[in-house]
PDB file of N, CA and C in Angstrom:
ATOM      1  N   MET A   1     -23.092   9.836  -4.624  1.00  0.00           N
ATOM      2  CA  MET A   1     -22.202   8.734  -5.599  1.00  0.00           C
ATOM      3  C   MET A   1     -22.222   9.414  -7.055  1.00  0.00           C
ATOM      4  N   LEU A   2     -21.204   9.572  -7.534  1.00  0.00           N
ATOM      5  CA  LEU A   2     -20.837  10.318  -8.814  1.00  0.00           C
ATOM      6  C   LEU A   2     -21.854   9.740  -9.791  1.00  0.00           C
ATOM      7  N   LEU A   3     -21.560   8.259  -9.643  1.00  0.00           N
ATOM      8  CA  LEU A   3     -22.435   7.042 -10.410  1.00  0.00           C
ATOM      9  C   LEU A   3     -23.830   7.642 -10.743  1.00  0.00           C
ATOM     10  N   ARG A   4     -24.235   7.620  -9.343  1.00  0.00           N
ATOM     11  CA  ARG A   4     -25.433   7.674  -9.139  1.00  0.00           C
ATOM     12  C   ARG A   4     -26.360   9.024  -9.866  1.00  0.00           C
ATOM     13  N   ARG A   5     -25.440   9.915  -9.306  1.00  0.00           N
ATOM     14  CA  ARG A   5     -25.695  11.488 -10.194  1.00  0.00           C
ATOM     15  C   ARG A   5     -25.354  11.923 -11.385  1.00  0.00           C
ATOM     16  N   HIS A   6     -24.485  11.101 -12.419  1.00  0.00           N
ATOM     17  CA  HIS A   6     -24.442  11.462 -13.374  1.00  0.00           C
ATOM     18  C   HIS A   6     -24.231  10.327 -14.581  1.00  0.00           C
ATOM     19  N   GLY A   7     -24.429   9.073 -13.605  1.00  0.00           N
ATOM     20  CA  GLY A   7     -24.551   8.000 -14.929  1.00  0.00           C
ATOM     21  C   GLY A   7     -23.173   7.206 -14.931  1.00  0.00           C
ATOM     22  N   ARG A   8     -23.094   6.183 -15.959  1.00  0.00           N
ATOM     23  CA  ARG A   8     -22.038   5.652 -16.118  1.00  0.00           C
ATOM     24  C   ARG A   8     -20.738   6.537 -17.021  1.00  0.00           C
ATOM     25  N   ALA A   9     -21.428   6.826 -18.076  1.00  0.00           N
ATOM     26  CA  ALA A   9     -20.409   7.540 -19.277  1.00  0.00           C
ATOM     27  C   ALA A   9     -20.099   9.121 -18.806  1.00  0.00           C
ATOM     28  N   GLU A  10     -21.040   9.715 -18.163  1.00  0.00           N
ATOM     29  CA  GLU A  10     -21.143  11.059 -17.846  1.00  0.00           C
ATOM     30  C   GLU A  10     -19.614  11.086 -16.574  1.00  0.00           C
ATOM     31  N   GLY A  11     -19.997  10.088 -15.655  1.00  0.00           N
ATOM     32  CA  GLY A  11     -19.307   9.781 -14.653  1.00  0.00           C
ATOM     33  C   GLY A  11     -17.496   9.340 -14.739  1.00  0.00           C
ATOM     34  N   ALA A  12     -17.417   8.604 -15.879  1.00  0.00           N
ATOM     35  CA  ALA A  12     -16.336   8.419 -16.345  1.00  0.00           C
ATOM     36  C   ALA A  12     -15.404   9.606 -16.847  1.00  0.00           C
ATOM     37  N   ARG A  13     -16.497  10.405 -17.418  1.00  0.00           N
ATOM     38  CA  ARG A  13     -15.378  11.612 -18.262  1.00  0.00           C
ATOM     39  C   ARG A  13     -15.422  12.420 -16.990  1.00  0.00           C
ATOM     40  N   ARG A  14     -15.851  12.389 -16.096  1.00  0.00           N
ATOM     41  CA  ARG A  14     -15.704  13.500 -15.116  1.00  0.00           C
ATOM     42  C   ARG A  14     -14.534  12.845 -14.012  1.00  0.00           C
ATOM     43  N   ILE A  15     -14.346  11.714 -13.504  1.00  0.00           N
ATOM     44  CA  ILE A  15     -13.382  10.924 -13.113  1.00  0.00           C
ATOM     45  C   ILE A  15     -12.317  11.188 -13.787  1.00  0.00           C
ATOM     46  N   ALA A  16     -12.405  11.118 -15.222  1.00  0.00           N
ATOM     47  CA  ALA A  16     -11.038  11.157 -16.096  1.00  0.00           C
ATOM     48  C   ALA A  16     -10.549  12.572 -15.949  1.00  0.00           C
ATOM     49  N   GLU A  17     -11.494  13.472 -16.543  1.00  0.00           N
ATOM     50  CA  GLU A  17     -10.832  14.888 -15.998  1.00  0.00           C
ATOM     51  C   GLU A  17     -10.610  15.519 -14.624  1.00  0.00           C
ATOM     52  N   GLY A  18     -10.897  14.880 -13.854  1.00  0.00           N
ATOM     53  CA  GLY A  18     -10.612  15.672 -12.545  1.00  0.00           C
ATOM     54  C   GLY A  18      -9.449  14.852 -12.239  1.00  0.00           C
ATOM     55  N   THR A  19      -9.284  13.323 -12.596  1.00  0.00           N
ATOM     56  CA  THR A  19      -7.657  12.539 -12.218  1.00  0.00           C
ATOM     57  C   THR A  19      -6.807  13.284 -12.771  1.00  0.00           C
ATOM     58  N   ARG A  20      -7.286  13.791 -14.464  1.00  0.00           N
ATOM     59  CA  ARG A  20      -6.109  14.203 -14.808  1.00  0.00           C
ATOM     60  C   ARG A  20      -5.652  15.459 -14.593  1.00  0.00           C
ATOM     61  N   ARG A  21      -6.603  16.548 -14.280  1.00  0.00           N
ATOM     62  CA  ARG A  21      -5.933  17.930 -13.663  1.00  0.00           C
ATOM     63  C   ARG A  21      -5.350  17.884 -12.195  1.00  0.00           C
ATOM     64  N   ASN A  22      -5.834  16.899 -11.407  1.00  0.00           N
ATOM     65  CA  ASN A  22      -5.218  16.627  -9.796  1.00  0.00           C
ATOM     66  C   ASN A  22      -3.787  16.275 -10.574  1.00  0.00           C
ATOM     67  N   CYS A  23      -3.286  15.471 -11.624  1.00  0.00           N
ATOM     68  CA  CYS A  23      -2.256  14.842 -11.870  1.00  0.00           C
ATOM     69  C   CYS A  23      -1.155  16.343 -12.191  1.00  0.00           C
ATOM     70  N   GLU A  24      -1.921  17.533 -12.943  1.00  0.00           N
ATOM     71  CA  GLU A  24      -1.336  18.471 -13.386  1.00  0.00           C
ATOM     72  C   GLU A  24      -1.477  19.511 -12.059  1.00  0.00           C
ATOM     73  N   ALA A  25      -2.047  19.318 -11.510  1.00  0.00           N
ATOM     74  CA  ALA A  25      -2.118  20.562 -10.301  1.00  0.00           C
ATOM     75  C   ALA A  25      -0.912  20.145  -9.396  1.00  0.00           C
ATOM     76  N   LEU A  26      -0.434  18.930  -8.860  1.00  0.00           N
ATOM     77  CA  LEU A  26       0.352  18.568  -8.121  1.00  0.00           C
ATOM     78  C   LEU A  26       1.843  17.989  -9.194  1.00  0.00           C
ATOM     79  N   GLY A  27       2.020  18.720 -10.463  1.00  0.00           N
ATOM     80  CA  GLY A  27       3.323  18.871 -10.634  1.00  0.00           C
ATOM     81  C   GLY A  27       3.280  17.480 -11.173  1.00  0.00           C
ATOM     82  N   SER A  28       2.288  16.388 -11.552  1.00  0.00           N
ATOM     83  CA  SER A  28       2.909  15.255 -12.214  1.00  0.00           C
ATOM     84  C   SER A  28       2.216  15.135 -13.424  1.00  0.00           C
ATOM     85  N   PRO A  29       1.923  15.990 -14.042  1.00  0.00           N
ATOM     86  CA  PRO A  29       1.241  15.412 -15.558  1.00  0.00           C
ATOM     87  C   PRO A  29       1.405  13.647 -15.922  1.00  0.00           C
ATOM     88  N   GLU A  30       2.813  13.419 -16.206  1.00  0.00           N
ATOM     89  CA  GLU A  30       3.306  12.367 -16.419  1.00  0.00           C
ATOM     90  C   GLU A  30       2.709  11.249 -15.947  1.00  0.00           C
ATOM     91  N   ARG A  31       1.936  11.481 -15.082  1.00  0.00           N
ATOM     92  CA  ARG A  31       1.331   9.931 -13.933  1.00  0.00           C
ATOM     93  C   ARG A  31       0.000  10.134 -14.494  1.00  0.00           C
ATOM     94  N   TRP A  32      -0.508  10.952 -14.897  1.00  0.00           N
ATOM     95  CA  TRP A  32      -2.179  10.610 -15.796  1.00  0.00           C
ATOM     96  C   TRP A  32      -2.118   9.409 -16.405  1.00  0.00           C
ATOM     97  N   ASP A  33      -3.084   8.668 -16.323  1.00  0.00           N
ATOM     98  CA  ASP A  33      -2.982   6.965 -17.017  1.00  0.00           C
ATOM     99  C   ASP A  33      -4.160   7.161 -17.495  1.00  0.00           C
ATOM    100  N   GLU A  34      -4.554   7.344 -18.317  1.00  0.00           N
ATOM    101  CA  GLU A  34      -6.057   7.451 -18.817  1.00  0.00           C
ATOM    102  C   GLU A  34      -6.503   6.163 -18.906  1.00  0.00           C
ATOM    103  N   SER A  35      -5.847   4.909 -19.450  1.00  0.00           N
ATOM    104  CA  SER A  35      -6.508   3.747 -19.480  1.00  0.00           C
ATOM    105  C   SER A  35      -6.571   3.175 -17.978  1.00  0.00           C
ATOM    106  N   LEU A  36      -5.612   3.014 -17.070  1.00  0.00           N
ATOM    107  CA  LEU A  36      -5.930   2.843 -15.717  1.00  0.00           C
ATOM    108  C   LEU A  36      -6.937   3.665 -15.093  1.00  0.00           C
ATOM    109  N   THR A  37      -7.399   4.668 -15.403  1.00  0.00           N
ATOM    110  CA  THR A  37      -8.449   5.452 -14.902  1.00  0.00           C
ATOM    111  C   THR A  37      -9.594   4.875 -15.297  1.00  0.00           C
ATOM    112  N   ALA A  38      -9.771   4.490 -16.594  1.00  0.00           N
ATOM    113  CA  ALA A  38     -10.676   3.887 -17.317  1.00  0.00           C
ATOM    114  C   ALA A  38     -11.072   2.654 -16.676  1.00  0.00           C
ATOM    115  N   ARG A  39      -9.895   1.845 -16.234  1.00  0.00           N
ATOM    116  CA  ARG A  39     -10.336   0.328 -15.593  1.00  0.00           C
ATOM    117  C   ARG A  39     -10.836   0.441 -14.511  1.00  0.00           C
ATOM    118  N   TRP A  40     -10.272   1.375 -13.792  1.00  0.00           N
ATOM    119  CA  TRP A  40     -10.270   1.827 -12.350  1.00  0.00           C
ATOM    120  C   TRP A  40     -12.051   2.099 -11.896  1.00  0.00           C
ATOM    121  N   TRP A  41     -12.384   3.026 -13.054  1.00  0.00           N
ATOM    122  CA  TRP A  41     -13.880   3.401 -13.179  1.00  0.00           C
ATOM    123  C   TRP A  41     -14.881   2.182 -13.545  1.00  0.00           C
ATOM    124  N   ASP A  42     -14.553   1.697 -14.514  1.00  0.00           N
ATOM    125  CA  ASP A  42     -15.366   0.477 -14.800  1.00  0.00           C
ATOM    126  C   ASP A  42     -15.129  -0.596 -13.769  1.00  0.00           C
ATOM    127  N   GLY A  43     -14.260  -0.602 -12.994  1.00  0.00           N
ATOM    128  CA  GLY A  43     -14.252  -1.847 -11.894  1.00  0.00           C
ATOM    129  C   GLY A  43     -15.106  -1.025 -10.650  1.00  0.00           C
ATOM    130  N   ILE A  44     -15.166  -0.213 -10.500  1.00  0.00           N
ATOM    131  CA  ILE A  44     -15.769   0.378  -9.281  1.00  0.00           C
ATOM    132  C   ILE A  44     -17.334   0.587  -9.719  1.00  0.00           C
ATOM    133  N   ALA A  45     -17.639   1.342 -10.734  1.00  0.00           N
ATOM    134  CA  ALA A  45     -19.000   1.334 -11.234  1.00  0.00           C
ATOM    135  C   ALA A  45     -19.414  -0.215 -11.601  1.00  0.00           C
ATOM    136  N   GLY A  46     -19.108  -0.794 -11.883  1.00  0.00           N
ATOM    137  CA  GLY A  46     -19.715  -2.546 -11.990  1.00  0.00           C
ATOM    138  C   GLY A  46     -19.715  -2.939 -10.459  1.00  0.00           C
ATOM    139  N   ALA A  47     -18.651  -2.681  -9.314  1.00  0.00           N
ATOM    140  CA  ALA A  47     -19.287  -2.869  -7.899  1.00  0.00           C
ATOM    141  C   ALA A  47     -20.238  -2.566  -7.575  1.00  0.00           C
ATOM    142  N   VAL A  48     -20.654  -0.973  -7.543  1.00  0.00           N
ATOM    143  CA  VAL A  48     -21.691  -0.069  -7.301  1.00  0.00           C
ATOM    144  C   VAL A  48     -23.152  -0.584  -7.973  1.00  0.00           C
ATOM    145  N   GLU A  49     -22.745  -0.925  -9.056  1.00  0.00           N
ATOM    146  CA  GLU A  49     -24.177  -1.636  -9.377  1.00  0.00           C
ATOM    147  C   GLU A  49     -24.629  -2.985  -9.204  1.00  0.00           C
ATOM    148  N   GLU A  50     -23.535  -4.191  -9.108  1.00  0.00           N
ATOM    149  CA  GLU A  50     -23.817  -5.102  -8.700  1.00  0.00           C
ATOM    150  C   GLU A  50     -24.226  -5.173  -7.047  1.00  0.00           C
ATOM    151  N   SER A  51     -23.525  -4.516  -6.372  1.00  0.00           N
ATOM    152  CA  SER A  51     -23.532  -4.595  -4.894  1.00  0.00           C
ATOM    153  C   SER A  51     -25.019  -3.901  -4.443  1.00  0.00           C
ATOM    154  N   GLY A  52     -25.176  -2.711  -4.889  1.00  0.00           N
ATOM    155  CA  GLY A  52     -26.148  -1.363  -4.820  1.00  0.00           C
ATOM    156  C   GLY A  52     -25.836  -0.725  -3.574  1.00  0.00           C
ATOM    157  N   ALA A  53     -24.826  -0.827  -2.870  1.00  0.00           N
ATOM    158  CA  ALA A  53     -23.827  -0.163  -2.016  1.00  0.00           C
ATOM    159  C   ALA A  53     -24.798   1.499  -2.002  1.00  0.00           C
ATOM    160  N   ALA A  54     -25.015   1.621  -0.831  1.00  0.00           N
ATOM    161  CA  ALA A  54     -25.404   2.985  -0.544  1.00  0.00           C
ATOM    162  C   ALA A  54     -24.469   4.028  -0.819  1.00  0.00           C
ATOM    163  N   ASP A  55     -22.797   3.161  -0.221  1.00  0.00           N
ATOM    164  CA  ASP A  55     -21.910   4.747   0.146  1.00  0.00           C
ATOM    165  C   ASP A  55     -20.691   3.802   0.420  1.00  0.00           C
ATOM    166  N   ALA A  56     -19.471   4.750  -0.021  1.00  0.00           N
ATOM    167  CA  ALA A  56     -18.303   3.881   0.003  1.00  0.00           C
ATOM    168  C   ALA A  56     -18.062   2.612   1.270  1.00  0.00           C
ATOM    169  N   GLU A  57     -18.450   3.424   2.483  1.00  0.00           N
ATOM    170  CA  GLU A  57     -18.154   2.193   3.072  1.00  0.00           C
ATOM    171  C   GLU A  57     -18.691   0.764   3.271  1.00  0.00           C
ATOM    172  N   GLU A  58     -19.839   0.916   2.732  1.00  0.00           N
ATOM    173  CA  GLU A  58     -20.789   0.030   2.199  1.00  0.00           C
ATOM    174  C   GLU A  58     -20.147  -0.550   1.307  1.00  0.00           C
ATOM    175  N   LEU A  59     -19.889  -0.161   0.136  1.00  0.00           N
ATOM    176  CA  LEU A  59     -19.083  -0.592  -0.747  1.00  0.00           C
ATOM    177  C   LEU A  59     -18.158  -1.729  -0.439  1.00  0.00           C
ATOM    178  N   LEU A  60     -17.236  -0.838   0.119  1.00  0.00           N
ATOM    179  CA  LEU A  60     -16.086  -1.594   0.796  1.00  0.00           C
ATOM    180  C   LEU A  60     -16.075  -3.002   1.399  1.00  0.00           C
ATOM    181  N   ARG A  61     -17.286  -2.641   2.337  1.00  0.00           N
ATOM    182  CA  ARG A  61     -17.478  -4.096   3.353  1.00  0.00           C
ATOM    183  C   ARG A  61     -17.848  -5.438   2.420  1.00  0.00           C
ATOM    184  N   VAL A  62     -18.539  -4.888   1.481  1.00  0.00           N
ATOM    185  CA  VAL A  62     -19.111  -6.022   0.504  1.00  0.00           C
ATOM    186  C   VAL A  62     -18.256  -6.310  -0.841  1.00  0.00           C
ATOM    187  N   HIS A  63     -17.304  -5.364  -1.200  1.00  0.00           N
ATOM    188  CA  HIS A  63     -16.121  -5.387  -2.199  1.00  0.00           C
ATOM    189  C   HIS A  63     -14.657  -5.323  -1.661  1.00  0.00           C
ATOM    190  N   PRO A  64     -14.201  -5.718  -0.556  1.00  0.00           N
ATOM    191  CA  PRO A  64     -12.721  -5.261   0.210  1.00  0.00           C
ATOM    192  C   PRO A  64     -11.690  -5.423  -0.898  1.00  0.00           C
ATOM    193  N   GLU A  65     -11.578  -6.269  -2.156  1.00  0.00           N
ATOM    194  CA  GLU A  65     -10.840  -6.363  -2.779  1.00  0.00           C
ATOM    195  C   GLU A  65     -10.628  -4.837  -3.637  1.00  0.00           C
ATOM    196  N   LEU A  66     -11.409  -3.922  -3.566  1.00  0.00           N
ATOM    197  CA  LEU A  66     -11.086  -2.694  -4.206  1.00  0.00           C
ATOM    198  C   LEU A  66     -10.094  -1.912  -3.491  1.00  0.00           C
ATOM    199  N   LEU A  67      -9.666  -2.481  -2.320  1.00  0.00           N
ATOM    200  CA  LEU A  67      -8.419  -1.638  -1.645  1.00  0.00           C
ATOM    201  C   LEU A  67      -7.304  -1.959  -2.175  1.00  0.00           C
ATOM    202  N   ARG A  68      -7.141  -3.223  -3.083  1.00  0.00           N
ATOM    203  CA  ARG A  68      -5.840  -3.648  -3.348  1.00  0.00           C
ATOM    204  C   ARG A  68      -5.466  -2.324  -4.334  1.00  0.00           C
ATOM    205  N   SER A  69      -3.884  -2.134  -4.273  1.00  0.00           N
ATOM    206  CA  SER A  69      -3.621  -1.102  -5.394  1.00  0.00           C
ATOM    207  C   SER A  69      -3.238  -1.383  -6.389  1.00  0.00           C
ATOM    208  N   ASP A  70      -3.343  -2.968  -6.697  1.00  0.00           N
ATOM    209  CA  ASP A  70      -2.640  -3.710  -8.146  1.00  0.00           C
ATOM    210  C   ASP A  70      -4.103  -3.960  -8.741  1.00  0.00           C
ATOM    211  N   LEU A  71      -5.329  -4.302  -8.225  1.00  0.00           N
ATOM    212  CA  LEU A  71      -6.313  -4.699  -8.677  1.00  0.00           C
ATOM    213  C   LEU A  71      -6.479  -4.520  -9.734  1.00  0.00           C
ATOM    214  N   PHE A  72      -6.425  -2.842 -10.646  1.00  0.00           N
ATOM    215  CA  PHE A  72      -6.548  -2.776 -11.891  1.00  0.00           C
ATOM    216  C   PHE A  72      -5.068  -2.564 -13.162  1.00  0.00           C
ATOM    217  N   GLY A  73      -3.616  -3.342 -12.254  1.00  0.00           N
ATOM    218  CA  GLY A  73      -2.802  -2.992 -12.626  1.00  0.00           C
ATOM    219  C   GLY A  73      -1.875  -2.366 -12.604  1.00  0.00           C
ATOM    220  N   PRO A  74      -0.643  -2.043 -13.068  1.00  0.00           N
ATOM    221  CA  PRO A  74      -0.012  -1.164 -12.873  1.00  0.00           C
ATOM    222  C   PRO A  74       0.316   0.191 -13.535  1.00  0.00           C
ATOM    223  N   PRO A  75       0.202   1.266 -13.201  1.00  0.00           N
ATOM    224  CA  PRO A  75       0.050   2.617 -14.230  1.00  0.00           C
ATOM    225  C   PRO A  75       1.265   2.534 -14.979  1.00  0.00           C
ATOM    226  N   SER A  76       0.761   3.253 -16.631  1.00  0.00           N
ATOM    227  CA  SER A  76       1.825   3.165 -17.427  1.00  0.00           C
ATOM    228  C   SER A  76       3.022   3.749 -17.083  1.00  0.00           C
ATOM    229  N   TRP A  77       3.335   4.690 -16.085  1.00  0.00           N
ATOM    230  CA  TRP A  77       4.378   5.332 -15.682  1.00  0.00           C
ATOM    231  C   TRP A  77       5.663   4.333 -15.131  1.00  0.00           C
ATOM    232  N   LYS A  78       4.826   3.447 -14.443  1.00  0.00           N
ATOM    233  CA  LYS A  78       5.600   2.204 -13.726  1.00  0.00           C
ATOM    234  C   LYS A  78       6.069   1.054 -14.559  1.00  0.00           C
ATOM    235  N   ARG A  79       5.148   0.885 -15.763  1.00  0.00           N
ATOM    236  CA  ARG A  79       5.290  -0.204 -16.792  1.00  0.00           C
ATOM    237  C   ARG A  79       6.687   0.061 -17.930  1.00  0.00           C
ATOM    238  N   GLY A  80       6.910   1.434 -18.033  1.00  0.00           N
ATOM    239  CA  GLY A  80       7.795   1.578 -18.997  1.00  0.00           C
ATOM    240  C   GLY A  80       9.374   1.646 -18.660  1.00  0.00           C
TER     241      GLY A  80
END
């Protein structure tokens, strides 16, 4: 898991950079939402730290709410 390999701060930087680059690669740079990505990372990292889950499958078994697409709010491109 990215969180365990790199820690919370470096993991946040890497997930943000990767998500931004993925949006660009897919031809949708306007869909990059730094704030949403940060909220998502904080939620996932907190759930991993709280649960001690060994992998994504276990994490989702303990925190099935993480599957909700609206959990961290709408992306900026849907709000405007």
